[in-house]
């Protein structure tokens, strides 16, 4: 897919994000209901060092800012990362970490951070 199809601006970054992660008209777009990150292997196992920003304090604050009230950030990680969980807790009122056994037999971890004060899922 080209940049026109995906809405990705591969030419330049925005607010420190790697350029390929930035929606084309970031300053004019509406906030998101959800942001889903399946980048690298999680915050402590990067395939591309440029993605470190996504898991930083500034990057997490920016992702939180891009969400609508009540919006959700979902992040996949190959392993549990307590420091990232703590970082999410500083930016979101409700954060859940769920370990899931994949079909391959390996476990994956999902972080769900909610921009709301009420826990959205009692069954998680």
PDB file of N, CA and C in Angstrom:
ATOM      1  N   UNK A   1       0.840  -1.192   0.000  1.00  0.00           N
ATOM      2  CA  UNK A   1       0.000   0.000   0.000  1.00  0.00           C
ATOM      3  C   UNK A   1       0.871   1.237   0.000  1.00  0.00           C
ATOM      4  N   UNK A   2       0.477   2.203  -0.740  1.00  0.00           N
ATOM      5  CA  UNK A   2       1.192   3.467  -0.767  1.00  0.00           C
ATOM      6  C   UNK A   2       0.719   4.384   0.331  1.00  0.00           C
ATOM      7  N   UNK A   3       1.397   5.498   0.500  1.00  0.00           N
ATOM      8  CA  UNK A   3       1.050   6.432   1.565  1.00  0.00           C
ATOM      9  C   UNK A   3      -0.330   7.039   1.372  1.00  0.00           C
ATOM     10  N   UNK A   4      -0.792   7.187   0.137  1.00  0.00           N
ATOM     11  CA  UNK A   4      -2.115   7.749  -0.088  1.00  0.00           C
ATOM     12  C   UNK A   4      -3.207   6.787   0.383  1.00  0.00           C
ATOM     13  N   UNK A   5      -2.980   5.485   0.225  1.00  0.00           N
ATOM     14  CA  UNK A   5      -3.968   4.489   0.634  1.00  0.00           C
ATOM     15  C   UNK A   5      -4.031   4.337   2.147  1.00  0.00           C
ATOM     16  N   UNK A   6      -2.891   4.413   2.812  1.00  0.00           N
ATOM     17  CA  UNK A   6      -2.851   4.160   4.244  1.00  0.00           C
ATOM     18  C   UNK A   6      -3.025   5.410   5.084  1.00  0.00           C
ATOM     19  N   UNK A   7      -2.873   6.587   4.475  1.00  0.00           N
ATOM     20  CA  UNK A   7      -2.916   7.812   5.250  1.00  0.00           C
ATOM     21  C   UNK A   7      -1.628   8.062   6.005  1.00  0.00           C
ATOM     22  N   UNK A   8      -0.568   7.368   5.646  1.00  0.00           N
ATOM     23  CA  UNK A   8       0.710   7.504   6.330  1.00  0.00           C
ATOM     24  C   UNK A   8       1.596   8.473   5.565  1.00  0.00           C
ATOM     25  N   UNK A   9       2.235   9.349   6.290  1.00  0.00           N
ATOM     26  CA  UNK A   9       3.167  10.302   5.697  1.00  0.00           C
ATOM     27  C   UNK A   9       4.572   9.788   5.968  1.00  0.00           C
ATOM     28  N   UNK A  10       5.184   9.174   4.965  1.00  0.00           N
ATOM     29  CA  UNK A  10       6.506   8.584   5.155  1.00  0.00           C
ATOM     30  C   UNK A  10       7.627   9.614   5.059  1.00  0.00           C
ATOM     31  N   UNK A  11       7.302  10.849   4.750  1.00  0.00           N
ATOM     32  CA  UNK A  11       8.345  11.852   4.533  1.00  0.00           C
ATOM     33  C   UNK A  11       8.855  12.480   5.815  1.00  0.00           C
ATOM     34  N   UNK A  12       7.982  12.739   6.779  1.00  0.00           N
ATOM     35  CA  UNK A  12       8.445  13.433   7.978  1.00  0.00           C
ATOM     36  C   UNK A  12       7.653  12.996   9.195  1.00  0.00           C
ATOM     37  N   UNK A  13       8.298  13.090  10.352  1.00  0.00           N
ATOM     38  CA  UNK A  13       7.651  12.725  11.603  1.00  0.00           C
ATOM     39  C   UNK A  13       6.853  13.882  12.175  1.00  0.00           C
ATOM     40  N   UNK A  14       6.133  13.632  13.276  1.00  0.00           N
ATOM     41  CA  UNK A  14       5.318  14.641  13.937  1.00  0.00           C
ATOM     42  C   UNK A  14       5.401  14.402  15.428  1.00  0.00           C
ATOM     43  N   UNK A  15       5.740  15.409  16.178  1.00  0.00           N
ATOM     44  CA  UNK A  15       5.846  15.287  17.628  1.00  0.00           C
ATOM     45  C   UNK A  15       6.815  14.188  18.059  1.00  0.00           C
ATOM     46  N   UNK A  16       7.825  13.916  17.230  1.00  0.00           N
ATOM     47  CA  UNK A  16       8.817  12.922  17.590  1.00  0.00           C
ATOM     48  C   UNK A  16       8.482  11.501  17.196  1.00  0.00           C
ATOM     49  N   UNK A  17       7.296  11.244  16.648  1.00  0.00           N
ATOM     50  CA  UNK A  17       6.941   9.895  16.232  1.00  0.00           C
ATOM     51  C   UNK A  17       7.713   9.493  14.990  1.00  0.00           C
ATOM     52  N   UNK A  18       8.035   8.208  14.854  1.00  0.00           N
ATOM     53  CA  UNK A  18       8.625   7.764  13.596  1.00  0.00           C
ATOM     54  C   UNK A  18       7.693   8.155  12.456  1.00  0.00           C
ATOM     55  N   UNK A  19       8.244   8.596  11.347  1.00  0.00           N
ATOM     56  CA  UNK A  19       7.433   9.170  10.275  1.00  0.00           C
ATOM     57  C   UNK A  19       6.367   8.226   9.752  1.00  0.00           C
ATOM     58  N   UNK A  20       6.630   6.915   9.717  1.00  0.00           N
ATOM     59  CA  UNK A  20       5.641   6.007   9.161  1.00  0.00           C
ATOM     60  C   UNK A  20       4.468   5.730  10.101  1.00  0.00           C
ATOM     61  N   UNK A  21       4.478   6.289  11.311  1.00  0.00           N
ATOM     62  CA  UNK A  21       3.367   6.076  12.239  1.00  0.00           C
ATOM     63  C   UNK A  21       2.400   7.249  12.280  1.00  0.00           C
ATOM     64  N   UNK A  22       2.630   8.282  11.486  1.00  0.00           N
ATOM     65  CA  UNK A  22       1.870   9.514  11.611  1.00  0.00           C
ATOM     66  C   UNK A  22       0.766   9.609  10.563  1.00  0.00           C
ATOM     67  N   UNK A  23      -0.481   9.748  10.982  1.00  0.00           N
ATOM     68  CA  UNK A  23      -1.550   9.979  10.011  1.00  0.00           C
ATOM     69  C   UNK A  23      -1.266  11.241   9.201  1.00  0.00           C
ATOM     70  N   UNK A  24      -1.642  11.229   7.937  1.00  0.00           N
ATOM     71  CA  UNK A  24      -1.293  12.279   6.976  1.00  0.00           C
ATOM     72  C   UNK A  24      -1.660  13.669   7.448  1.00  0.00           C
ATOM     73  N   UNK A  25      -2.876  13.906   7.872  1.00  0.00           N
ATOM     74  CA  UNK A  25      -3.287  15.261   8.265  1.00  0.00           C
ATOM     75  C   UNK A  25      -3.517  15.302   9.768  1.00  0.00           C
ATOM     76  N   UNK A  26      -2.483  14.985  10.531  1.00  0.00           N
ATOM     77  CA  UNK A  26      -2.596  14.853  11.981  1.00  0.00           C
ATOM     78  C   UNK A  26      -3.176  16.084  12.664  1.00  0.00           C
ATOM     79  N   UNK A  27      -2.802  17.262  12.241  1.00  0.00           N
ATOM     80  CA  UNK A  27      -3.267  18.457  12.930  1.00  0.00           C
ATOM     81  C   UNK A  27      -4.746  18.730  12.685  1.00  0.00           C
ATOM     82  N   UNK A  28      -5.322  18.173  11.627  1.00  0.00           N
ATOM     83  CA  UNK A  28      -6.708  18.459  11.272  1.00  0.00           C
ATOM     84  C   UNK A  28      -7.659  17.315  11.568  1.00  0.00           C
ATOM     85  N   UNK A  29      -7.187  16.181  11.966  1.00  0.00           N
ATOM     86  CA  UNK A  29      -8.049  15.014  12.150  1.00  0.00           C
ATOM     87  C   UNK A  29      -8.796  15.052  13.482  1.00  0.00           C
ATOM     88  N   UNK A  30      -9.845  14.271  13.556  1.00  0.00           N
ATOM     89  CA  UNK A  30     -10.619  14.114  14.787  1.00  0.00           C
ATOM     90  C   UNK A  30      -9.918  13.095  15.688  1.00  0.00           C
ATOM     91  N   UNK A  31     -10.159  13.154  17.000  1.00  0.00           N
ATOM     92  CA  UNK A  31      -9.580  12.148  17.903  1.00  0.00           C
ATOM     93  C   UNK A  31     -10.144  10.753  17.592  1.00  0.00           C
ATOM     94  N   UNK A  32      -9.422   9.744  18.016  1.00  0.00           N
ATOM     95  CA  UNK A  32      -9.787   8.358  17.752  1.00  0.00           C
ATOM     96  C   UNK A  32     -10.590   7.761  18.909  1.00  0.00           C
ATOM     97  N   UNK A  33     -11.457   6.811  18.577  1.00  0.00           N
ATOM     98  CA  UNK A  33     -12.132   6.007  19.599  1.00  0.00           C
ATOM     99  C   UNK A  33     -11.152   4.968  20.158  1.00  0.00           C
ATOM    100  N   UNK A  34     -10.279   4.463  19.291  1.00  0.00           N
ATOM    101  CA  UNK A  34      -9.304   3.452  19.707  1.00  0.00           C
ATOM    102  C   UNK A  34      -8.020   3.600  18.901  1.00  0.00           C
ATOM    103  N   UNK A  35      -6.920   3.295  19.567  1.00  0.00           N
ATOM    104  CA  UNK A  35      -5.616   3.207  18.913  1.00  0.00           C
ATOM    105  C   UNK A  35      -5.079   1.825  19.273  1.00  0.00           C
ATOM    106  N   UNK A  36      -4.687   1.063  18.254  1.00  0.00           N
ATOM    107  CA  UNK A  36      -4.198  -0.294  18.461  1.00  0.00           C
ATOM    108  C   UNK A  36      -2.766  -0.368  17.968  1.00  0.00           C
ATOM    109  N   UNK A  37      -1.844  -0.694  18.872  1.00  0.00           N
ATOM    110  CA  UNK A  37      -0.429  -0.805  18.513  1.00  0.00           C
ATOM    111  C   UNK A  37       0.002  -2.267  18.551  1.00  0.00           C
ATOM    112  N   UNK A  38       0.478  -2.749  17.441  1.00  0.00           N
ATOM    113  CA  UNK A  38       1.120  -4.057  17.349  1.00  0.00           C
ATOM    114  C   UNK A  38       2.441  -3.777  16.649  1.00  0.00           C
ATOM    115  N   UNK A  39       3.333  -3.133  17.390  1.00  0.00           N
ATOM    116  CA  UNK A  39       4.585  -2.627  16.849  1.00  0.00           C
ATOM    117  C   UNK A  39       5.744  -3.355  17.508  1.00  0.00           C
ATOM    118  N   UNK A  40       6.704  -3.766  16.719  1.00  0.00           N
ATOM    119  CA  UNK A  40       7.856  -4.480  17.252  1.00  0.00           C
ATOM    120  C   UNK A  40       7.377  -5.707  18.008  1.00  0.00           C
ATOM    121  N   UNK A  41       8.027  -5.993  19.128  1.00  0.00           N
ATOM    122  CA  UNK A  41       7.619  -7.088  20.011  1.00  0.00           C
ATOM    123  C   UNK A  41       7.214  -6.555  21.368  1.00  0.00           C
ATOM    124  N   UNK A  42       6.948  -5.261  21.435  1.00  0.00           N
ATOM    125  CA  UNK A  42       6.553  -4.618  22.676  1.00  0.00           C
ATOM    126  C   UNK A  42       7.572  -3.574  23.086  1.00  0.00           C
ATOM    127  N   UNK A  43       7.338  -2.949  24.229  1.00  0.00           N
ATOM    128  CA  UNK A  43       8.156  -1.817  24.654  1.00  0.00           C
ATOM    129  C   UNK A  43       9.617  -2.138  24.962  1.00  0.00           C
ATOM    130  N   UNK A  44       9.936  -3.365  25.306  1.00  0.00           N
ATOM    131  CA  UNK A  44      11.334  -3.652  25.658  1.00  0.00           C
ATOM    132  C   UNK A  44      12.014  -4.599  24.676  1.00  0.00           C
ATOM    133  N   UNK A  45      11.412  -4.787  23.499  1.00  0.00           N
ATOM    134  CA  UNK A  45      11.988  -5.688  22.514  1.00  0.00           C
ATOM    135  C   UNK A  45      11.725  -5.100  21.132  1.00  0.00           C
ATOM    136  N   UNK A  46      12.405  -4.006  20.839  1.00  0.00           N
ATOM    137  CA  UNK A  46      12.162  -3.243  19.625  1.00  0.00           C
ATOM    138  C   UNK A  46      12.838  -3.865  18.407  1.00  0.00           C
ATOM    139  N   UNK A  47      12.096  -3.923  17.307  1.00  0.00           N
ATOM    140  CA  UNK A  47      12.673  -4.308  16.021  1.00  0.00           C
ATOM    141  C   UNK A  47      13.313  -3.096  15.361  1.00  0.00           C
ATOM    142  N   UNK A  48      12.730  -1.926  15.641  1.00  0.00           N
ATOM    143  CA  UNK A  48      13.224  -0.669  15.080  1.00  0.00           C
ATOM    144  C   UNK A  48      13.381   0.326  16.221  1.00  0.00           C
ATOM    145  N   UNK A  49      14.584   0.784  16.453  1.00  0.00           N
ATOM    146  CA  UNK A  49      14.827   1.693  17.573  1.00  0.00           C
ATOM    147  C   UNK A  49      14.030   2.989  17.457  1.00  0.00           C
ATOM    148  N   UNK A  50      13.667   3.395  16.233  1.00  0.00           N
ATOM    149  CA  UNK A  50      12.869   4.617  16.058  1.00  0.00           C
ATOM    150  C   UNK A  50      11.507   4.509  16.734  1.00  0.00           C
ATOM    151  N   UNK A  51      11.043   3.294  16.970  1.00  0.00           N
ATOM    152  CA  UNK A  51       9.732   3.107  17.604  1.00  0.00           C
ATOM    153  C   UNK A  51       9.762   3.292  19.119  1.00  0.00           C
ATOM    154  N   UNK A  52      10.939   3.479  19.686  1.00  0.00           N
ATOM    155  CA  UNK A  52      11.055   3.658  21.143  1.00  0.00           C
ATOM    156  C   UNK A  52      10.153   4.788  21.634  1.00  0.00           C
ATOM    157  N   UNK A  53       9.984   5.812  20.801  1.00  0.00           N
ATOM    158  CA  UNK A  53       9.144   6.950  21.174  1.00  0.00           C
ATOM    159  C   UNK A  53       7.723   6.526  21.533  1.00  0.00           C
ATOM    160  N   UNK A  54       7.193   5.526  20.837  1.00  0.00           N
ATOM    161  CA  UNK A  54       5.816   5.082  21.095  1.00  0.00           C
ATOM    162  C   UNK A  54       5.614   4.643  22.539  1.00  0.00           C
ATOM    163  N   UNK A  55       6.678   4.141  23.166  1.00  0.00           N
ATOM    164  CA  UNK A  55       6.599   3.608  24.524  1.00  0.00           C
ATOM    165  C   UNK A  55       7.196   4.554  25.560  1.00  0.00           C
ATOM    166  N   UNK A  56       7.526   5.761  25.146  1.00  0.00           N
ATOM    167  CA  UNK A  56       8.117   6.743  26.059  1.00  0.00           C
ATOM    168  C   UNK A  56       7.024   7.542  26.772  1.00  0.00           C
ATOM    169  N   UNK A  57       7.425   8.333  27.741  1.00  0.00           N
ATOM    170  CA  UNK A  57       6.478   9.194  28.448  1.00  0.00           C
ATOM    171  C   UNK A  57       5.808  10.158  27.480  1.00  0.00           C
ATOM    172  N   UNK A  58       6.606  10.808  26.637  1.00  0.00           N
ATOM    173  CA  UNK A  58       6.042  11.768  25.685  1.00  0.00           C
ATOM    174  C   UNK A  58       5.148  11.077  24.648  1.00  0.00           C
ATOM    175  N   UNK A  59       5.577   9.933  24.157  1.00  0.00           N
ATOM    176  CA  UNK A  59       4.781   9.192  23.179  1.00  0.00           C
ATOM    177  C   UNK A  59       3.467   8.708  23.762  1.00  0.00           C
ATOM    178  N   UNK A  60       3.501   8.207  24.983  1.00  0.00           N
ATOM    179  CA  UNK A  60       2.287   7.738  25.646  1.00  0.00           C
ATOM    180  C   UNK A  60       1.332   8.896  25.900  1.00  0.00           C
ATOM    181  N   UNK A  61       1.866  10.042  26.295  1.00  0.00           N
ATOM    182  CA  UNK A  61       1.022  11.227  26.494  1.00  0.00           C
ATOM    183  C   UNK A  61       0.370  11.654  25.183  1.00  0.00           C
ATOM    184  N   UNK A  62       1.109  11.573  24.093  1.00  0.00           N
ATOM    185  CA  UNK A  62       0.568  11.946  22.786  1.00  0.00           C
ATOM    186  C   UNK A  62      -0.530  10.976  22.351  1.00  0.00           C
ATOM    187  N   UNK A  63      -0.310   9.685  22.544  1.00  0.00           N
ATOM    188  CA  UNK A  63      -1.337   8.702  22.209  1.00  0.00           C
ATOM    189  C   UNK A  63      -2.600   8.941  23.032  1.00  0.00           C
ATOM    190  N   UNK A  64      -2.434   9.251  24.307  1.00  0.00           N
ATOM    191  CA  UNK A  64      -3.581   9.536  25.181  1.00  0.00           C
ATOM    192  C   UNK A  64      -4.315  10.775  24.683  1.00  0.00           C
ATOM    193  N   UNK A  65      -3.572  11.784  24.261  1.00  0.00           N
ATOM    194  CA  UNK A  65      -4.158  13.025  23.756  1.00  0.00           C
ATOM    195  C   UNK A  65      -4.983  12.779  22.495  1.00  0.00           C
ATOM    196  N   UNK A  66      -4.546  11.838  21.655  1.00  0.00           N
ATOM    197  CA  UNK A  66      -5.232  11.549  20.394  1.00  0.00           C
ATOM    198  C   UNK A  66      -6.525  10.757  20.578  1.00  0.00           C
ATOM    199  N   UNK A  67      -6.820  10.307  21.795  1.00  0.00           N
ATOM    200  CA  UNK A  67      -8.045   9.531  22.043  1.00  0.00           C
ATOM    201  C   UNK A  67      -9.197  10.425  22.471  1.00  0.00           C
ATOM    202  N   UNK A  68     -10.393  10.056  22.044  1.00  0.00           N
ATOM    203  CA  UNK A  68     -11.605  10.697  22.532  1.00  0.00           C
ATOM    204  C   UNK A  68     -11.789  10.363  24.011  1.00  0.00           C
ATOM    205  N   UNK A  69     -12.556  11.167  24.763  1.00  0.00           N
ATOM    206  CA  UNK A  69     -12.915  10.756  26.123  1.00  0.00           C
ATOM    207  C   UNK A  69     -13.589   9.375  26.057  1.00  0.00           C
ATOM    208  N   UNK A  70     -13.153   8.474  26.896  1.00  0.00           N
ATOM    209  CA  UNK A  70     -13.691   7.113  26.861  1.00  0.00           C
ATOM    210  C   UNK A  70     -12.987   6.224  25.851  1.00  0.00           C
ATOM    211  N   UNK A  71     -11.988   6.765  25.123  1.00  0.00           N
ATOM    212  CA  UNK A  71     -11.265   5.990  24.119  1.00  0.00           C
ATOM    213  C   UNK A  71     -10.336   4.960  24.738  1.00  0.00           C
ATOM    214  N   UNK A  72      -9.854   4.050  23.902  1.00  0.00           N
ATOM    215  CA  UNK A  72      -9.037   2.938  24.367  1.00  0.00           C
ATOM    216  C   UNK A  72      -7.737   2.839  23.581  1.00  0.00           C
ATOM    217  N   UNK A  73      -6.641   2.634  24.300  1.00  0.00           N
ATOM    218  CA  UNK A  73      -5.356   2.312  23.703  1.00  0.00           C
ATOM    219  C   UNK A  73      -5.102   0.834  23.966  1.00  0.00           C
ATOM    220  N   UNK A  74      -4.820   0.077  22.917  1.00  0.00           N
ATOM    221  CA  UNK A  74      -4.496  -1.339  23.048  1.00  0.00           C
ATOM    222  C   UNK A  74      -3.091  -1.552  22.509  1.00  0.00           C
ATOM    223  N   UNK A  75      -2.243  -2.213  23.306  1.00  0.00           N
ATOM    224  CA  UNK A  75      -0.850  -2.432  22.917  1.00  0.00           C
ATOM    225  C   UNK A  75      -0.509  -3.901  23.104  1.00  0.00           C
ATOM    226  N   UNK A  76       0.018  -4.527  22.041  1.00  0.00           N
ATOM    227  CA  UNK A  76       0.475  -5.910  22.114  1.00  0.00           C
ATOM    228  C   UNK A  76       1.940  -5.936  22.502  1.00  0.00           C
ATOM    229  N   UNK A  77       2.302  -6.923  23.303  1.00  0.00           N
ATOM    230  CA  UNK A  77       3.693  -7.116  23.689  1.00  0.00           C
ATOM    231  C   UNK A  77       3.974  -8.610  23.803  1.00  0.00           C
ATOM    232  N   UNK A  78       5.169  -9.014  23.409  1.00  0.00           N
ATOM    233  CA  UNK A  78       5.555 -10.421  23.514  1.00  0.00           C
ATOM    234  C   UNK A  78       5.789 -10.843  24.963  1.00  0.00           C
ATOM    235  N   UNK A  79       6.000  -9.874  25.841  1.00  0.00           N
ATOM    236  CA  UNK A  79       6.249 -10.190  27.245  1.00  0.00           C
ATOM    237  C   UNK A  79       5.646  -9.110  28.138  1.00  0.00           C
ATOM    238  N   UNK A  80       5.532  -9.438  29.395  1.00  0.00           N
ATOM    239  CA  UNK A  80       5.045  -8.477  30.380  1.00  0.00           C
ATOM    240  C   UNK A  80       6.157  -7.471  30.674  1.00  0.00           C
ATOM    241  N   UNK A  81       5.795  -6.189  30.716  1.00  0.00           N
ATOM    242  CA  UNK A  81       6.782  -5.134  30.971  1.00  0.00           C
ATOM    243  C   UNK A  81       6.216  -4.225  32.070  1.00  0.00           C
ATOM    244  N   UNK A  82       6.635  -4.455  33.296  1.00  0.00           N
ATOM    245  CA  UNK A  82       6.075  -3.735  34.439  1.00  0.00           C
ATOM    246  C   UNK A  82       6.293  -2.225  34.349  1.00  0.00           C
ATOM    247  N   UNK A  83       7.418  -1.802  33.794  1.00  0.00           N
ATOM    248  CA  UNK A  83       7.668  -0.361  33.686  1.00  0.00           C
ATOM    249  C   UNK A  83       6.715   0.301  32.690  1.00  0.00           C
ATOM    250  N   UNK A  84       6.349  -0.424  31.636  1.00  0.00           N
ATOM    251  CA  UNK A  84       5.391   0.131  30.668  1.00  0.00           C
ATOM    252  C   UNK A  84       3.992   0.182  31.282  1.00  0.00           C
ATOM    253  N   UNK A  85       3.638  -0.837  32.028  1.00  0.00           N
ATOM    254  CA  UNK A  85       2.348  -0.845  32.728  1.00  0.00           C
ATOM    255  C   UNK A  85       2.263   0.369  33.666  1.00  0.00           C
ATOM    256  N   UNK A  86       3.327   0.630  34.402  1.00  0.00           N
ATOM    257  CA  UNK A  86       3.359   1.783  35.314  1.00  0.00           C
ATOM    258  C   UNK A  86       3.265   3.098  34.540  1.00  0.00           C
ATOM    259  N   UNK A  87       3.924   3.177  33.392  1.00  0.00           N
ATOM    260  CA  UNK A  87       3.841   4.372  32.550  1.00  0.00           C
ATOM    261  C   UNK A  87       2.407   4.603  32.081  1.00  0.00           C
ATOM    262  N   UNK A  88       1.754   3.560  31.631  1.00  0.00           N
ATOM    263  CA  UNK A  88       0.352   3.688  31.210  1.00  0.00           C
ATOM    264  C   UNK A  88      -0.517   4.168  32.367  1.00  0.00           C
ATOM    265  N   UNK A  89      -0.278   3.668  33.555  1.00  0.00           N
ATOM    266  CA  UNK A  89      -1.064   4.080  34.722  1.00  0.00           C
ATOM    267  C   UNK A  89      -0.899   5.563  35.037  1.00  0.00           C
ATOM    268  N   UNK A  90       0.228   6.138  34.683  1.00  0.00           N
ATOM    269  CA  UNK A  90       0.422   7.575  34.905  1.00  0.00           C
ATOM    270  C   UNK A  90      -0.375   8.422  33.914  1.00  0.00           C
ATOM    271  N   UNK A  91      -0.784   7.849  32.798  1.00  0.00           N
ATOM    272  CA  UNK A  91      -1.474   8.606  31.752  1.00  0.00           C
ATOM    273  C   UNK A  91      -2.949   8.247  31.577  1.00  0.00           C
ATOM    274  N   UNK A  92      -3.372   7.119  32.116  1.00  0.00           N
ATOM    275  CA  UNK A  92      -4.744   6.649  31.942  1.00  0.00           C
ATOM    276  C   UNK A  92      -5.329   6.250  33.295  1.00  0.00           C
ATOM    277  N   UNK A  93      -6.610   6.568  33.525  1.00  0.00           N
ATOM    278  CA  UNK A  93      -7.216   6.218  34.810  1.00  0.00           C
ATOM    279  C   UNK A  93      -7.453   4.722  35.004  1.00  0.00           C
ATOM    280  N   UNK A  94      -7.611   3.963  33.911  1.00  0.00           N
ATOM    281  CA  UNK A  94      -7.825   2.520  34.015  1.00  0.00           C
ATOM    282  C   UNK A  94      -6.885   1.817  33.044  1.00  0.00           C
ATOM    283  N   UNK A  95      -6.065   0.893  33.573  1.00  0.00           N
ATOM    284  CA  UNK A  95      -5.133   0.122  32.749  1.00  0.00           C
ATOM    285  C   UNK A  95      -5.250  -1.346  33.140  1.00  0.00           C
ATOM    286  N   UNK A  96      -5.391  -2.192  32.133  1.00  0.00           N
ATOM    287  CA  UNK A  96      -5.441  -3.637  32.349  1.00  0.00           C
ATOM    288  C   UNK A  96      -4.309  -4.289  31.566  1.00  0.00           C
ATOM    289  N   UNK A  97      -3.747  -5.340  32.119  1.00  0.00           N
ATOM    290  CA  UNK A  97      -2.779  -6.163  31.393  1.00  0.00           C
ATOM    291  C   UNK A  97      -3.326  -7.577  31.373  1.00  0.00           C
ATOM    292  N   UNK A  98      -3.398  -8.146  30.194  1.00  0.00           N
ATOM    293  CA  UNK A  98      -3.935  -9.492  30.047  1.00  0.00           C
ATOM    294  C   UNK A  98      -2.929 -10.378  29.334  1.00  0.00           C
ATOM    295  N   UNK A  99      -2.616 -11.522  29.926  1.00  0.00           N
ATOM    296  CA  UNK A  99      -1.764 -12.520  29.283  1.00  0.00           C
ATOM    297  C   UNK A  99      -2.677 -13.483  28.540  1.00  0.00           C
ATOM    298  N   UNK A 100      -2.297 -13.811  27.318  1.00  0.00           N
ATOM    299  CA  UNK A 100      -3.106 -14.690  26.475  1.00  0.00           C
ATOM    300  C   UNK A 100      -2.197 -15.772  25.915  1.00  0.00           C
ATOM    301  N   UNK A 101      -2.649 -17.026  25.972  1.00  0.00           N
ATOM    302  CA  UNK A 101      -1.892 -18.125  25.388  1.00  0.00           C
ATOM    303  C   UNK A 101      -2.263 -18.220  23.916  1.00  0.00           C
ATOM    304  N   UNK A 102      -1.282 -18.028  23.054  1.00  0.00           N
ATOM    305  CA  UNK A 102      -1.501 -18.072  21.610  1.00  0.00           C
ATOM    306  C   UNK A 102      -1.569 -19.522  21.127  1.00  0.00           C
ATOM    307  N   UNK A 103      -2.062 -19.726  19.921  1.00  0.00           N
ATOM    308  CA  UNK A 103      -2.143 -21.066  19.327  1.00  0.00           C
ATOM    309  C   UNK A 103      -0.774 -21.718  19.214  1.00  0.00           C
ATOM    310  N   UNK A 104       0.272 -20.913  19.136  1.00  0.00           N
ATOM    311  CA  UNK A 104       1.640 -21.426  19.027  1.00  0.00           C
ATOM    312  C   UNK A 104       2.161 -21.975  20.350  1.00  0.00           C
ATOM    313  N   UNK A 105       1.429 -21.730  21.426  1.00  0.00           N
ATOM    314  CA  UNK A 105       1.881 -22.154  22.749  1.00  0.00           C
ATOM    315  C   UNK A 105       2.610 -21.055  23.497  1.00  0.00           C
ATOM    316  N   UNK A 106       2.931 -19.967  22.825  1.00  0.00           N
ATOM    317  CA  UNK A 106       3.600 -18.842  23.473  1.00  0.00           C
ATOM    318  C   UNK A 106       2.562 -17.891  24.048  1.00  0.00           C
ATOM    319  N   UNK A 107       2.947 -17.208  25.108  1.00  0.00           N
ATOM    320  CA  UNK A 107       2.033 -16.231  25.679  1.00  0.00           C
ATOM    321  C   UNK A 107       2.309 -14.862  25.093  1.00  0.00           C
ATOM    322  N   UNK A 108       1.270 -14.072  24.987  1.00  0.00           N
ATOM    323  CA  UNK A 108       1.358 -12.679  24.568  1.00  0.00           C
ATOM    324  C   UNK A 108       0.711 -11.844  25.651  1.00  0.00           C
ATOM    325  N   UNK A 109       1.048 -10.583  25.664  1.00  0.00           N
ATOM    326  CA  UNK A 109       0.476  -9.676  26.658  1.00  0.00           C
ATOM    327  C   UNK A 109      -0.185  -8.514  25.940  1.00  0.00           C
ATOM    328  N   UNK A 110      -1.340  -8.174  26.420  1.00  0.00           N
ATOM    329  CA  UNK A 110      -2.084  -7.047  25.863  1.00  0.00           C
ATOM    330  C   UNK A 110      -2.306  -6.032  26.970  1.00  0.00           C
ATOM    331  N   UNK A 111      -1.997  -4.800  26.658  1.00  0.00           N
ATOM    332  CA  UNK A 111      -2.264  -3.694  27.574  1.00  0.00           C
ATOM    333  C   UNK A 111      -3.471  -2.941  27.023  1.00  0.00           C
ATOM    334  N   UNK A 112      -4.451  -2.735  27.865  1.00  0.00           N
ATOM    335  CA  UNK A 112      -5.628  -1.952  27.513  1.00  0.00           C
ATOM    336  C   UNK A 112      -5.659  -0.759  28.451  1.00  0.00           C
ATOM    337  N   UNK A 113      -5.588   0.422  27.880  1.00  0.00           N
ATOM    338  CA  UNK A 113      -5.592   1.656  28.668  1.00  0.00           C
ATOM    339  C   UNK A 113      -6.822   2.455  28.255  1.00  0.00           C
ATOM    340  N   UNK A 114      -7.652   2.789  29.219  1.00  0.00           N
ATOM    341  CA  UNK A 114      -8.935   3.436  28.953  1.00  0.00           C
ATOM    342  C   UNK A 114      -8.920   4.881  29.429  1.00  0.00           C
ATOM    343  N   UNK A 115      -9.391   5.745  28.583  1.00  0.00           N
ATOM    344  CA  UNK A 115      -9.469   7.172  28.911  1.00  0.00           C
ATOM    345  C   UNK A 115     -10.838   7.442  29.549  1.00  0.00           C
ATOM    346  N   UNK A 116     -11.099   6.719  30.615  1.00  0.00           N
ATOM    347  CA  UNK A 116     -12.341   6.835  31.372  1.00  0.00           C
ATOM    348  C   UNK A 116     -12.055   6.396  32.797  1.00  0.00           C
ATOM    349  N   UNK A 117     -12.861   6.835  33.728  1.00  0.00           N
ATOM    350  CA  UNK A 117     -12.621   6.458  35.125  1.00  0.00           C
ATOM    351  C   UNK A 117     -13.290   5.142  35.510  1.00  0.00           C
ATOM    352  N   UNK A 118     -14.315   4.731  34.758  1.00  0.00           N
ATOM    353  CA  UNK A 118     -15.010   3.476  35.049  1.00  0.00           C
ATOM    354  C   UNK A 118     -14.366   2.352  34.266  1.00  0.00           C
ATOM    355  N   UNK A 119     -14.173   1.179  34.907  1.00  0.00           N
ATOM    356  CA  UNK A 119     -13.600   0.056  34.206  1.00  0.00           C
ATOM    357  C   UNK A 119     -14.620  -0.468  33.194  1.00  0.00           C
ATOM    358  N   UNK A 120     -14.297  -0.438  31.912  1.00  0.00           N
ATOM    359  CA  UNK A 120     -15.261  -0.771  30.868  1.00  0.00           C
ATOM    360  C   UNK A 120     -15.653  -2.230  30.799  1.00  0.00           C
ATOM    361  N   UNK A 121     -14.759  -3.149  31.189  1.00  0.00           N
ATOM    362  CA  UNK A 121     -15.070  -4.564  31.074  1.00  0.00           C
ATOM    363  C   UNK A 121     -14.874  -5.249  32.411  1.00  0.00           C
ATOM    364  N   UNK A 122     -15.931  -5.743  32.983  1.00  0.00           N
ATOM    365  CA  UNK A 122     -15.793  -6.451  34.252  1.00  0.00           C
ATOM    366  C   UNK A 122     -15.313  -7.869  34.048  1.00  0.00           C
ATOM    367  N   UNK A 123     -15.440  -8.415  32.815  1.00  0.00           N
ATOM    368  CA  UNK A 123     -15.077  -9.796  32.558  1.00  0.00           C
ATOM    369  C   UNK A 123     -13.630  -9.968  32.120  1.00  0.00           C
ATOM    370  N   UNK A 124     -12.880  -8.898  31.939  1.00  0.00           N
ATOM    371  CA  UNK A 124     -11.482  -9.029  31.458  1.00  0.00           C
ATOM    372  C   UNK A 124     -10.595  -9.628  32.507  1.00  0.00           C
TER     373      UNK A 124
END
